[in-house]
Amino acid sequence: MIEISDTTLRDGGQAEGITFSVSDKIQIIQALDELGIRWIEVGTPGANPLDQQVFQLLKSAPPLRQASLQAFGPTCRPGQIASEDDGLKILAECGADTVTLFGKSNITVVEHVLRCSPEENLRIIQDSISFLTRHGICVWFDAEHFFDGYRINAQYALRTLQTAAAGGAKRIILCDTRGGALPHEISEAVRAVKAIIDLPLGIHAHNDCGLAAANTLSAVSSGCDLVQGTIGGIGERCGNADLCTVIPVLSLKMHESCLPDGHLPRLTHLSRRMMEIMNIVPNERSPFIGNSAFAHKAGVHIDGIIKDPDSYEQVNPESVGNQRRFLLSDQVGRAGVYARLGRMLPDLNRNSEEILLVMQKVKEMEAAGYTYENADSSFELLALDTLGRRPHYFEVADYHVLCQGSHGKEENWPTAQAYLKIRVNDQEGINAAEGEGPVNALDNALRKTLSQFYPSVKRMSLQDFKVRVLNAKGTASLVRVSIESSDGDHIWNTVGVSENIIEACLKALTDSVDYMLTRFVSREEISRVLHIPGRKEPSLSL
C-alpha cells in the first residue's frame, strides 16, 4: 500500500499565477477526499491567516470520508527555544491531524542560509519535533534539501534524520527540493536511509529537470511508502510530481494500491474540476487525464485500435475516467469515420453507405473552413444531420447584437447587448441580455431564452473561446470560432465558421446547446417541450 499525500494547497499554492481563496481550498479538499487521497496538506497556519481561517472552518465542518488533514511549518529559529516559538504554538492548536515540520538536511544550506552551526541545526530539529509531540501532535519531518545534502555530506544528512526520529517524528519525508537529482541517485539515497532509519519514508520531488514523476517512482521502488505531489504538478518553479501521472502508474503499472477500490476512474473528472477551481488551463497532452491522452488521428492507428485497443493504448481510458477519441481530419479515411460513427450509431457497419455520405460531408465542410479534430460534438451533430437523424430542439429565428463604448463608466459596465428570437415547435421565445462583449451577450441571451423551455440549459457555461482567421482578407476574412462548454460534469467542444464573426460564434453556441440537449438532458425534460409520443432518440453511447 502506497499512501498519497497531496500538497496542492500548500506547495501548489507557491506556484506562479496560483492564488487560493478560503472557498477554493475547501472545495479542493472536498474533491481530494472524494478522490480518496489519504493525506491533504492544507497549508501553513503559523504564517498565513487564510490557512488559519481554513483550519477553523474545518473544525466545525462534517468529517471527511477518506482524508486526514495536515498543517505545515518550519522548525524554530536558531538560538530560539521551541516552546517560545509562536508558529509552533499555532501548529499545536490548529486542529490538524498531523503536522509536517521542515528542517535543513544539507550542511551547506545550514551554514550559508540558516547561518548556524551544524549542531545548532540538529538541536532545533529535535527541540521543535519534541515540543509538538509533547502536545500530542503526530509529526512528520520534511528533510529539506536531503538529496543534495546526501551528495555533499551523506553523514550529516543522515544525522538530521536520526535526530528527527529521536525527537519523536513518526515519518520522514525525503525532499529533492531543487529538483536536480537523477533517479539512480534517489534510489541510492533512499536505500541508505532505509538501512539506518526504522520509520516509514516518503518522497517529495520537484520537477526542475522534468524528472519529478520518475524520481518519485524510483523512491517507491527503493522503499518509500508515501508519495507527495500536486494535482497537475503545480508548485514552486517548475512544479512538483504530478499525482495525476504518479497515481495511475503506481496503480496500473506497478500494481501498488494507493486509492480506495473503484476510485481511480474518478481521477480525470475530479482533477479537471480542481484545475477549474484553480483557474488552470489543463494540459491537453497530460498522460492519462489529458484530452489528447487517448486521441487517435493516423488511419493506421485508428484501424489498429478498432481491431485491438492494446495495439496503441497502454491502459484502458475508462480505468482513469478518460475516453478514447478518434480525430476527424483530412488524414482519416473510412476507418476513422466508422470508428467515430460506429460508437455513436451502432446500427451502422463499416461498409454502410452512410459512412461514405458522412465522409463526403466532412470533406465539404473542411473545404469551407471547418475542422472537427477538436470539435467532436459538432462532428456528431453534423453526422446526425447528414443522415437525417439530428433532433431539432429549437431554431434561431432572429438576432441582433449591439455594442457600446464604456468610456467614463465603471469598469464592469456591460459593453454589449444581444436580442434573440427562438422558435421551439410552434412557440416563440424572445429575450435580451447584456454582457462583457458581443459573444458574452449572445451566449447569455441564448441560454436565457432557451432555459424557458429547457431548464437544464441554466447549468451550461462557456469555458473557453478561440478565434482563428482562415484567409487574409482584412476585415472580410473568414473566421473559425471554437468553443468549449461545460455543464459542471461534462466538457464538450463545438465549432462555427463564417465571414461574420458573430454568426460564427452563434453557430458554435447553438451547436453547443444542441449537443447538451442531445447528450446530457433527460428525455423526460425534452419530451415535455417537444410533445412527441414514443419519440426515438439516436443512440449516443460514446
Protein backbone atom coordinates (compact mmCIF):
# COMPACT_ATOMS: atom_id res chain seq x y z
CA MET A 1 0.00 0.00 0.00
CA ILE A 2 1.43 3.37 -1.07
CA GLU A 3 -0.14 6.34 0.70
CA ILE A 4 -0.70 9.62 -1.14
CA SER A 5 -0.08 12.99 0.48
CA ASP A 6 -1.41 15.86 -1.61
CA THR A 7 0.33 19.21 -1.23
CA THR A 8 -1.60 21.13 -3.91
CA LEU A 9 -2.91 23.63 -1.36
CA ARG A 10 0.49 24.28 0.20
CA ASP A 11 3.36 23.73 -2.24
CA GLY A 12 0.97 24.14 -5.19
CA GLY A 13 -0.07 27.49 -3.78
CA GLN A 14 3.53 28.66 -4.21
CA ALA A 15 3.26 28.28 -7.99
CA GLU A 16 3.35 31.39 -10.15
CA GLY A 17 -0.16 32.55 -11.00
CA ILE A 18 -1.89 30.42 -8.35
CA THR A 19 -3.91 32.08 -5.58
CA PHE A 20 -6.40 30.28 -3.36
CA SER A 21 -9.38 31.74 -1.55
CA VAL A 22 -10.84 30.05 1.52
CA SER A 23 -13.67 28.73 -0.65
CA ASP A 24 -11.18 27.37 -3.20
CA LYS A 25 -9.32 25.46 -0.51
CA ILE A 26 -12.49 23.97 0.95
CA GLN A 27 -13.70 22.85 -2.49
CA ILE A 28 -10.35 21.28 -3.36
CA ILE A 29 -10.20 19.48 -0.02
CA GLN A 30 -13.64 18.03 -0.70
CA ALA A 31 -12.62 16.93 -4.22
CA LEU A 32 -9.40 15.32 -2.95
CA ASP A 33 -11.39 13.50 -0.29
CA GLU A 34 -13.84 12.29 -2.94
CA LEU A 35 -10.90 11.01 -5.00
CA GLY A 36 -9.70 9.03 -2.00
CA ILE A 37 -6.46 10.87 -1.15
CA ARG A 38 -5.19 9.73 2.26
CA TRP A 39 -3.42 12.93 3.42
CA ILE A 40 -4.07 16.57 2.48
CA GLU A 41 -1.51 19.25 3.36
CA VAL A 42 -3.77 22.26 3.85
CA GLY A 43 -1.22 25.00 4.45
CA THR A 44 0.89 26.91 6.96
CA PRO A 45 -1.39 28.40 9.65
CA GLY A 46 1.57 29.88 11.53
CA ALA A 47 2.46 32.12 8.59
CA ASN A 48 -0.79 32.54 6.66
CA PRO A 49 -4.02 33.95 8.22
CA LEU A 50 -6.03 32.43 5.35
CA ASP A 51 -4.79 28.95 6.30
CA GLN A 52 -5.69 29.61 9.93
CA GLN A 53 -9.21 30.51 8.78
CA VAL A 54 -9.47 27.31 6.73
CA PHE A 55 -8.47 25.17 9.72
CA GLN A 56 -11.02 26.97 11.91
CA LEU A 57 -13.79 26.33 9.40
CA LEU A 58 -12.81 22.68 9.05
CA LYS A 59 -13.12 22.15 12.81
CA SER A 60 -16.90 22.57 12.55
CA ALA A 61 -17.30 21.01 9.08
CA PRO A 62 -18.63 17.47 8.55
CA PRO A 63 -15.83 14.90 8.83
CA LEU A 64 -14.06 13.87 5.65
CA ARG A 65 -14.68 10.37 4.32
CA GLN A 66 -11.14 9.36 3.39
CA ALA A 67 -8.63 12.09 4.09
CA SER A 68 -6.74 13.35 7.11
CA LEU A 69 -5.64 16.98 7.20
CA GLN A 70 -2.09 18.19 7.71
CA ALA A 71 -0.54 21.50 8.67
CA PHE A 72 2.93 22.57 7.56
CA GLY A 73 5.54 24.76 9.14
CA PRO A 74 9.22 25.31 9.96
CA THR A 75 11.26 24.35 12.97
CA CYS A 76 12.04 27.12 15.42
CA ARG A 77 14.78 29.58 14.51
CA PRO A 78 18.41 29.15 15.53
CA GLY A 79 19.02 30.37 19.08
CA GLN A 80 15.35 30.05 19.99
CA ILE A 81 13.58 27.56 22.27
CA ALA A 82 10.71 25.71 20.58
CA SER A 83 8.25 26.37 23.41
CA GLU A 84 8.63 30.11 22.81
CA ASP A 85 8.05 29.95 19.03
CA ASP A 86 4.67 31.46 18.07
CA GLY A 87 4.47 29.50 14.83
CA LEU A 88 4.90 26.18 16.61
CA LYS A 89 2.24 27.15 19.16
CA ILE A 90 -0.23 27.83 16.34
CA LEU A 91 0.62 24.48 14.72
CA ALA A 92 -0.04 22.74 18.03
CA GLU A 93 -3.51 24.31 18.30
CA CYS A 94 -4.68 24.45 14.66
CA GLY A 95 -6.62 21.17 14.77
CA ALA A 96 -4.68 19.30 12.06
CA ASP A 97 -4.39 15.54 12.40
CA THR A 98 -0.69 15.70 11.52
CA VAL A 99 1.92 18.46 11.36
CA THR A 100 4.79 18.35 8.88
CA LEU A 101 7.83 20.26 10.10
CA PHE A 102 10.53 21.12 7.62
CA GLY A 103 14.18 21.41 8.56
CA LYS A 104 17.55 21.51 6.79
CA SER A 105 19.40 18.33 5.82
CA ASN A 106 22.07 19.95 3.65
CA ILE A 107 25.08 21.15 5.66
CA THR A 108 25.86 23.84 3.06
CA VAL A 109 22.35 25.33 3.38
CA VAL A 110 22.65 25.14 7.19
CA GLU A 111 25.85 27.17 7.15
CA HIS A 112 25.11 29.63 4.31
CA VAL A 113 21.33 30.15 4.52
CA LEU A 114 20.26 29.19 8.03
CA ARG A 115 23.61 30.62 9.20
CA CYS A 116 24.07 28.48 12.24
CA SER A 117 26.33 25.63 13.25
CA PRO A 118 25.54 22.08 12.18
CA GLU A 119 24.97 21.14 15.83
CA GLU A 120 22.54 24.02 16.38
CA ASN A 121 20.55 22.85 13.38
CA LEU A 122 20.29 19.39 14.92
CA ARG A 123 19.15 20.94 18.21
CA ILE A 124 16.33 22.97 16.68
CA ILE A 125 15.11 19.93 14.71
CA GLN A 126 14.86 17.77 17.82
CA ASP A 127 13.52 20.54 20.08
CA SER A 128 10.78 21.53 17.60
CA ILE A 129 9.57 17.99 16.99
CA SER A 130 9.67 17.15 20.72
CA PHE A 131 7.61 20.26 21.54
CA LEU A 132 4.79 19.20 19.21
CA THR A 133 4.85 15.55 20.22
CA ARG A 134 4.52 16.60 23.88
CA HIS A 135 1.27 18.32 22.80
CA GLY A 136 0.01 15.04 21.37
CA ILE A 137 0.69 16.01 17.75
CA CYS A 138 1.79 13.42 15.17
CA VAL A 139 4.84 14.95 13.49
CA TRP A 140 6.39 14.21 10.11
CA PHE A 141 9.82 15.58 9.34
CA ASP A 142 10.29 17.15 5.92
CA ALA A 143 14.02 16.77 5.24
CA GLU A 144 14.54 19.80 3.04
CA HIS A 145 17.42 19.60 0.51
CA PHE A 146 18.01 15.99 1.59
CA PHE A 147 19.27 14.56 -1.70
CA ASP A 148 21.62 17.49 -2.32
CA GLY A 149 22.77 17.18 1.29
CA TYR A 150 23.34 13.45 0.93
CA ARG A 151 25.53 14.05 -2.11
CA ILE A 152 27.57 16.77 -0.37
CA ASN A 153 27.85 15.23 3.11
CA ALA A 154 25.95 11.99 3.48
CA GLN A 155 26.90 11.53 7.12
CA TYR A 156 25.40 14.85 8.20
CA ALA A 157 22.29 14.46 6.06
CA LEU A 158 21.59 11.10 7.71
CA ARG A 159 22.23 12.57 11.17
CA THR A 160 19.41 15.08 10.64
CA LEU A 161 17.04 12.18 10.02
CA GLN A 162 18.25 10.29 13.09
CA THR A 163 17.78 13.46 15.14
CA ALA A 164 14.21 13.85 13.86
CA ALA A 165 13.49 10.25 14.81
CA ALA A 166 14.94 10.82 18.26
CA GLY A 167 12.66 13.84 18.68
CA GLY A 168 9.61 11.67 18.07
CA ALA A 169 8.90 12.08 14.33
CA LYS A 170 6.59 9.37 13.03
CA ARG A 171 7.58 9.66 9.38
CA ILE A 172 10.47 11.07 7.38
CA ILE A 173 9.84 12.83 4.04
CA LEU A 174 12.92 12.96 1.80
CA CYS A 175 12.88 16.11 -0.33
CA ASP A 176 14.52 16.78 -3.69
CA THR A 177 13.99 20.47 -3.02
CA ARG A 178 15.89 21.82 -6.04
CA GLY A 179 14.59 19.11 -8.38
CA GLY A 180 18.12 18.28 -9.52
CA ALA A 181 18.54 14.63 -8.53
CA LEU A 182 18.52 11.75 -11.01
CA PRO A 183 16.52 8.53 -10.49
CA HIS A 184 19.57 6.40 -9.67
CA GLU A 185 20.71 8.99 -7.10
CA ILE A 186 17.26 8.92 -5.50
CA SER A 187 17.36 5.13 -5.31
CA GLU A 188 20.84 5.03 -3.76
CA ALA A 189 19.98 7.59 -1.07
CA VAL A 190 16.63 6.00 -0.14
CA ARG A 191 18.31 2.62 0.34
CA ALA A 192 20.93 4.24 2.58
CA VAL A 193 18.18 5.80 4.72
CA LYS A 194 16.27 2.52 4.93
CA ALA A 195 19.37 0.86 6.33
CA ILE A 196 19.55 3.13 9.40
CA ILE A 197 16.07 4.66 9.93
CA ASP A 198 13.28 2.43 11.18
CA LEU A 199 10.47 4.81 10.23
CA PRO A 200 8.13 4.98 7.23
CA LEU A 201 9.63 7.10 4.43
CA GLY A 202 8.04 9.48 1.94
CA ILE A 203 9.30 11.22 -1.20
CA HIS A 204 8.77 14.88 -2.19
CA ALA A 205 10.21 15.58 -5.65
CA HIS A 206 10.39 18.81 -7.63
CA ASN A 207 10.37 18.89 -11.41
CA ASP A 208 13.23 21.22 -12.35
CA CYS A 209 14.81 18.52 -14.54
CA GLY A 210 11.47 17.11 -15.70
CA LEU A 211 12.11 14.04 -13.52
CA ALA A 212 9.75 14.52 -10.57
CA ALA A 213 7.49 11.61 -11.52
CA ALA A 214 10.44 9.35 -12.41
CA ASN A 215 12.24 10.21 -9.16
CA THR A 216 9.07 9.59 -7.17
CA LEU A 217 8.61 6.14 -8.69
CA SER A 218 12.30 5.35 -8.16
CA ALA A 219 11.91 6.24 -4.48
CA VAL A 220 8.89 3.96 -4.17
CA SER A 221 10.79 1.10 -5.80
CA SER A 222 13.60 1.65 -3.27
CA GLY A 223 11.45 1.65 -0.14
CA CYS A 224 9.33 4.81 0.24
CA ASP A 225 5.73 4.03 1.10
CA LEU A 226 4.34 7.58 0.82
CA VAL A 227 4.26 9.91 -2.18
CA GLN A 228 3.82 13.67 -2.03
CA GLY A 229 2.74 15.62 -5.09
CA THR A 230 0.19 18.02 -6.51
CA ILE A 231 -2.71 17.94 -8.94
CA GLY A 232 -1.39 18.93 -12.35
CA GLY A 233 2.16 19.04 -10.98
CA ILE A 234 1.83 22.69 -9.90
CA GLY A 235 4.31 24.09 -7.41
CA GLU A 236 7.36 26.24 -6.85
CA ARG A 237 9.36 26.99 -10.05
CA CYS A 238 8.80 24.02 -12.39
CA GLY A 239 6.41 22.33 -10.01
CA ASN A 240 6.12 19.03 -8.16
CA ALA A 241 5.48 15.42 -9.03
CA ASP A 242 2.12 15.29 -10.80
CA LEU A 243 -0.21 13.00 -8.88
CA CYS A 244 -2.34 12.65 -12.00
CA THR A 245 0.60 10.80 -13.56
CA VAL A 246 2.06 9.11 -10.49
CA ILE A 247 -1.19 7.61 -9.18
CA PRO A 248 -2.10 5.77 -12.43
CA VAL A 249 1.46 4.49 -12.85
CA LEU A 250 1.51 3.19 -9.27
CA SER A 251 -1.93 1.62 -9.66
CA LEU A 252 -1.86 0.26 -13.22
CA LYS A 253 1.84 -0.29 -13.93
CA MET A 254 3.41 -1.08 -10.57
CA HIS A 255 0.25 -2.68 -9.14
CA GLU A 256 0.56 -0.71 -5.90
CA SER A 257 -2.71 0.16 -4.22
CA CYS A 258 -2.85 3.90 -3.49
CA LEU A 259 -6.56 4.83 -3.76
CA PRO A 260 -9.61 3.04 -2.37
CA ASP A 261 -11.04 0.37 -4.65
CA GLY A 262 -13.06 1.83 -7.51
CA HIS A 263 -11.79 5.41 -7.06
CA LEU A 264 -9.19 5.57 -9.87
CA PRO A 265 -11.88 6.15 -12.58
CA ARG A 266 -12.74 9.40 -10.77
CA LEU A 267 -9.28 10.82 -11.49
CA THR A 268 -9.91 12.60 -14.81
CA HIS A 269 -13.16 14.26 -13.79
CA LEU A 270 -12.04 15.35 -10.31
CA SER A 271 -8.61 16.58 -11.43
CA ARG A 272 -10.24 18.71 -14.14
CA ARG A 273 -12.69 20.06 -11.59
CA MET A 274 -9.80 21.06 -9.32
CA MET A 275 -7.94 22.71 -12.19
CA GLU A 276 -11.06 24.70 -12.97
CA ILE A 277 -11.22 25.87 -9.34
CA MET A 278 -7.55 26.86 -9.60
CA ASN A 279 -8.23 28.62 -12.93
CA ILE A 280 -5.63 26.44 -14.68
CA VAL A 281 -5.98 25.50 -18.35
CA PRO A 282 -5.49 21.70 -18.37
CA ASN A 283 -2.58 20.38 -20.39
CA GLU A 284 -4.20 18.61 -23.34
CA ARG A 285 -1.28 16.17 -23.56
CA SER A 286 -1.06 15.22 -19.90
CA PRO A 287 -0.64 11.46 -19.51
CA PHE A 288 -3.80 9.61 -18.54
CA ILE A 289 -6.09 12.63 -17.90
CA GLY A 290 -5.32 14.89 -20.88
CA ASN A 291 -7.89 15.40 -23.61
CA SER A 292 -5.34 14.04 -26.10
CA ALA A 293 -4.13 11.14 -23.95
CA PHE A 294 -6.31 8.66 -25.83
CA ALA A 295 -6.86 10.64 -29.06
CA HIS A 296 -6.03 8.87 -32.33
CA LYS A 297 -5.61 10.60 -35.68
CA ALA A 298 -3.50 8.47 -38.05
CA GLY A 299 -5.57 6.00 -40.07
CA VAL A 300 -3.22 3.11 -39.26
CA HIS A 301 -3.55 3.81 -35.55
CA ILE A 302 -7.33 4.02 -35.70
CA ASP A 303 -7.56 0.78 -37.66
CA GLY A 304 -5.33 -0.88 -35.06
CA ILE A 305 -7.38 0.45 -32.15
CA ILE A 306 -10.60 -0.86 -33.71
CA LYS A 307 -9.08 -4.33 -34.04
CA ASP A 308 -7.14 -4.38 -30.76
CA PRO A 309 -7.06 -1.37 -28.40
CA ASP A 310 -3.85 -2.65 -26.80
CA SER A 311 -2.01 -2.04 -30.07
CA TYR A 312 -1.81 1.74 -29.46
CA GLU A 313 -3.05 2.28 -25.90
CA GLN A 314 -1.08 1.39 -22.79
CA VAL A 315 -4.14 1.31 -20.49
CA ASN A 316 -7.90 1.34 -20.85
CA PRO A 317 -9.07 5.01 -20.95
CA GLU A 318 -12.01 4.21 -18.69
CA SER A 319 -9.65 2.94 -15.98
CA VAL A 320 -8.72 6.58 -15.23
CA GLY A 321 -12.09 8.07 -16.17
CA ASN A 322 -10.97 9.33 -19.58
CA GLN A 323 -12.32 8.35 -23.00
CA ARG A 324 -10.98 7.32 -26.37
CA ARG A 325 -11.29 9.86 -29.17
CA PHE A 326 -10.94 9.44 -32.93
CA LEU A 327 -9.92 12.71 -34.55
CA LEU A 328 -11.56 13.67 -37.82
CA SER A 329 -9.32 15.32 -40.40
CA ASP A 330 -8.19 15.04 -43.99
CA GLN A 331 -5.82 12.28 -42.87
CA VAL A 332 -8.63 9.98 -41.80
CA GLY A 333 -10.41 7.64 -44.18
CA ARG A 334 -13.28 5.21 -43.83
CA ALA A 335 -11.76 3.53 -40.76
CA GLY A 336 -11.66 6.80 -38.82
CA VAL A 337 -15.19 7.86 -39.72
CA TYR A 338 -16.54 4.40 -38.97
CA ALA A 339 -14.73 4.32 -35.64
CA ARG A 340 -16.48 7.55 -34.64
CA LEU A 341 -19.88 6.72 -36.11
CA GLY A 342 -19.81 3.08 -35.06
CA ARG A 343 -19.91 4.05 -31.41
CA MET A 344 -22.47 6.80 -31.95
CA LEU A 345 -24.74 4.81 -34.28
CA PRO A 346 -24.15 1.10 -33.60
CA ASP A 347 -26.64 0.02 -36.29
CA LEU A 348 -24.12 1.06 -38.99
CA ASN A 349 -21.42 -1.23 -40.32
CA ARG A 350 -18.06 -0.46 -41.87
CA ASN A 351 -19.37 -0.78 -45.43
CA SER A 352 -22.55 1.26 -44.89
CA GLU A 353 -23.37 3.88 -47.50
CA GLU A 354 -23.91 6.27 -44.60
CA ILE A 355 -20.18 6.17 -43.86
CA LEU A 356 -19.41 7.48 -47.34
CA LEU A 357 -22.09 10.17 -47.05
CA VAL A 358 -20.59 11.45 -43.80
CA MET A 359 -17.04 11.30 -45.20
CA GLN A 360 -18.12 13.39 -48.18
CA LYS A 361 -19.90 15.91 -45.94
CA VAL A 362 -16.87 16.24 -43.66
CA LYS A 363 -14.64 16.97 -46.66
CA GLU A 364 -17.10 19.61 -47.92
CA MET A 365 -17.24 21.31 -44.55
CA GLU A 366 -13.44 21.22 -44.12
CA ALA A 367 -13.08 22.83 -47.55
CA ALA A 368 -15.36 25.58 -46.22
CA GLY A 369 -13.05 26.16 -43.24
CA TYR A 370 -14.43 23.80 -40.61
CA THR A 371 -12.22 21.41 -38.66
CA TYR A 372 -13.54 18.64 -36.46
CA GLU A 373 -10.27 17.45 -34.95
CA ASN A 374 -11.01 19.27 -31.70
CA ALA A 375 -14.75 19.68 -32.14
CA ASP A 376 -16.10 16.18 -31.64
CA SER A 377 -19.52 17.45 -30.63
CA SER A 378 -20.03 19.43 -33.85
CA PHE A 379 -18.95 16.36 -35.83
CA GLU A 380 -21.54 14.18 -34.11
CA LEU A 381 -24.27 16.71 -34.87
CA LEU A 382 -23.06 17.03 -38.48
CA ALA A 383 -23.19 13.25 -38.90
CA LEU A 384 -26.68 13.02 -37.44
CA ASP A 385 -27.82 15.89 -39.67
CA THR A 386 -26.29 14.30 -42.79
CA LEU A 387 -28.10 11.03 -42.06
CA GLY A 388 -31.40 12.74 -41.22
CA ARG A 389 -31.20 11.73 -37.58
CA ARG A 390 -30.43 15.01 -35.88
CA PRO A 391 -33.04 16.07 -33.32
CA HIS A 392 -34.40 19.61 -33.77
CA TYR A 393 -34.83 21.26 -30.40
CA PHE A 394 -35.00 24.91 -31.46
CA GLU A 395 -34.41 27.35 -34.29
CA VAL A 396 -32.89 30.82 -34.08
CA ALA A 397 -35.40 32.97 -35.94
CA ASP A 398 -33.74 36.36 -35.45
CA TYR A 399 -30.95 38.00 -33.51
CA HIS A 400 -29.36 41.42 -33.07
CA VAL A 401 -26.17 42.35 -31.25
CA LEU A 402 -25.38 45.93 -30.20
CA CYS A 403 -22.05 47.16 -28.86
CA GLN A 404 -21.45 50.34 -26.91
CA GLY A 405 -18.45 52.19 -25.54
CA SER A 406 -17.81 52.26 -21.81
CA HIS A 407 -15.69 55.45 -21.63
CA GLY A 408 -16.25 57.11 -18.31
CA LYS A 409 -18.28 54.20 -16.98
CA GLU A 410 -17.34 51.90 -14.16
CA GLU A 411 -15.00 49.05 -15.12
CA ASN A 412 -17.62 46.27 -15.17
CA TRP A 413 -20.20 48.21 -17.15
CA PRO A 414 -21.75 45.92 -19.82
CA THR A 415 -20.35 46.70 -23.26
CA ALA A 416 -22.81 44.74 -25.42
CA GLN A 417 -26.45 43.76 -25.64
CA ALA A 418 -27.98 40.86 -27.56
CA TYR A 419 -31.60 40.28 -28.62
CA LEU A 420 -32.71 36.79 -29.67
CA LYS A 421 -35.91 35.23 -31.01
CA ILE A 422 -36.15 31.43 -30.85
CA ARG A 423 -38.77 29.01 -32.15
CA VAL A 424 -39.50 25.75 -30.35
CA ASN A 425 -42.24 23.83 -32.17
CA ASP A 426 -45.00 26.41 -32.60
CA GLN A 427 -43.85 28.56 -29.69
CA GLU A 428 -41.57 31.58 -29.72
CA GLY A 429 -39.18 32.77 -27.06
CA ILE A 430 -37.84 36.32 -27.15
CA ASN A 431 -35.25 37.68 -24.78
CA ALA A 432 -32.33 40.04 -24.42
CA ALA A 433 -29.21 40.03 -22.30
CA GLU A 434 -26.15 42.15 -21.57
CA GLY A 435 -22.56 41.01 -21.50
CA GLU A 436 -18.90 41.92 -21.44
CA GLY A 437 -18.62 41.96 -25.22
CA PRO A 438 -20.86 40.68 -28.04
CA VAL A 439 -20.09 36.97 -27.63
CA ASN A 440 -20.80 37.03 -23.91
CA ALA A 441 -24.05 38.93 -24.51
CA LEU A 442 -25.12 36.48 -27.24
CA ASP A 443 -24.27 33.49 -25.05
CA ASN A 444 -26.25 34.96 -22.14
CA ALA A 445 -29.26 35.74 -24.35
CA LEU A 446 -29.26 32.26 -25.93
CA ARG A 447 -29.21 30.43 -22.60
CA LYS A 448 -31.65 32.87 -21.01
CA THR A 449 -34.16 32.31 -23.81
CA LEU A 450 -33.75 28.54 -24.09
CA SER A 451 -33.93 27.96 -20.33
CA GLN A 452 -37.62 28.93 -20.52
CA PHE A 453 -38.13 25.70 -22.47
CA TYR A 454 -35.24 23.53 -21.25
CA PRO A 455 -34.34 24.42 -17.63
CA SER A 456 -31.17 22.30 -17.72
CA VAL A 457 -29.58 24.84 -20.07
CA LYS A 458 -29.06 27.08 -16.99
CA ARG A 459 -26.28 24.69 -15.92
CA MET A 460 -24.31 25.28 -19.10
CA SER A 461 -21.39 27.70 -19.26
CA LEU A 462 -18.80 28.68 -21.85
CA GLN A 463 -15.33 27.60 -20.64
CA ASP A 464 -13.03 28.58 -23.50
CA PHE A 465 -13.28 30.61 -26.70
CA LYS A 466 -10.85 30.78 -29.62
CA VAL A 467 -10.95 32.61 -32.95
CA ARG A 468 -8.74 31.87 -35.95
CA VAL A 469 -8.57 33.84 -39.20
CA LEU A 470 -8.66 31.41 -42.14
CA ASN A 471 -7.91 33.70 -45.08
CA ALA A 472 -6.20 37.06 -45.05
CA LYS A 473 -8.87 39.41 -46.39
CA GLY A 474 -8.70 42.06 -43.76
CA THR A 475 -11.99 42.71 -42.02
CA ALA A 476 -13.78 40.44 -44.54
CA SER A 477 -11.70 37.41 -43.54
CA LEU A 478 -13.29 34.02 -42.97
CA VAL A 479 -13.02 33.12 -39.29
CA ARG A 480 -13.37 29.90 -37.35
CA VAL A 481 -14.67 30.04 -33.79
CA SER A 482 -14.06 27.12 -31.43
CA ILE A 483 -15.68 26.99 -28.02
CA GLU A 484 -15.52 24.67 -25.05
CA SER A 485 -18.63 24.29 -22.90
CA SER A 486 -19.46 22.56 -19.65
CA ASP A 487 -22.47 21.70 -17.51
CA GLY A 488 -20.32 21.09 -14.44
CA ASP A 489 -20.00 17.36 -15.09
CA HIS A 490 -19.12 17.16 -18.79
CA ILE A 491 -16.98 19.15 -21.22
CA TRP A 492 -17.59 19.33 -24.98
CA ASN A 493 -16.29 21.29 -27.98
CA THR A 494 -18.05 22.83 -30.98
CA VAL A 495 -17.07 24.96 -33.97
CA GLY A 496 -18.59 27.61 -36.26
CA VAL A 497 -17.28 29.27 -39.45
CA SER A 498 -18.38 32.47 -41.19
CA GLU A 499 -17.10 35.76 -42.58
CA ASN A 500 -19.25 37.33 -39.85
CA ILE A 501 -17.57 36.61 -36.52
CA ILE A 502 -20.85 36.99 -34.62
CA GLU A 503 -22.54 34.46 -36.89
CA ALA A 504 -19.61 32.05 -36.46
CA CYS A 505 -19.99 32.42 -32.69
CA LEU A 506 -23.71 31.79 -32.88
CA LYS A 507 -23.18 28.61 -34.93
CA ALA A 508 -20.74 27.26 -32.36
CA LEU A 509 -23.03 28.27 -29.48
CA THR A 510 -26.17 26.71 -30.96
CA ASP A 511 -24.26 23.50 -31.70
CA SER A 512 -23.11 23.51 -28.10
CA VAL A 513 -26.65 23.78 -26.74
CA ASP A 514 -27.90 21.20 -29.25
CA TYR A 515 -25.21 18.78 -28.12
CA MET A 516 -26.04 19.26 -24.45
CA LEU A 517 -29.73 18.63 -25.12
CA THR A 518 -28.88 15.52 -27.14
CA ARG A 519 -26.40 14.01 -24.71
CA PHE A 520 -26.85 15.33 -21.19
CA VAL A 521 -30.50 16.31 -20.70
CA SER A 522 -33.12 13.78 -19.65
CA ARG A 523 -35.57 12.53 -22.25
CA GLU A 524 -38.39 13.46 -19.87
CA GLU A 525 -37.39 17.13 -19.96
CA ILE A 526 -37.10 17.08 -23.75
CA SER A 527 -40.46 15.33 -24.21
CA ARG A 528 -42.26 17.87 -22.05
CA VAL A 529 -41.27 20.52 -24.57
CA LEU A 530 -41.43 18.73 -27.91
CA HIS A 531 -44.53 16.60 -27.15
CA ILE A 532 -43.57 13.75 -29.43
CA PRO A 533 -45.06 10.49 -28.09
CA GLY A 534 -42.81 7.47 -28.46
CA ARG A 535 -40.00 9.69 -29.72
CA LYS A 536 -36.93 7.61 -30.56
CA GLU A 537 -33.61 9.27 -29.86
CA PRO A 538 -30.40 8.42 -31.70
CA SER A 539 -28.09 6.10 -29.83
CA LEU A 540 -25.15 8.09 -28.48
CA SER A 541 -23.27 5.55 -26.42
CA LEU A 542 -19.84 7.17 -26.74
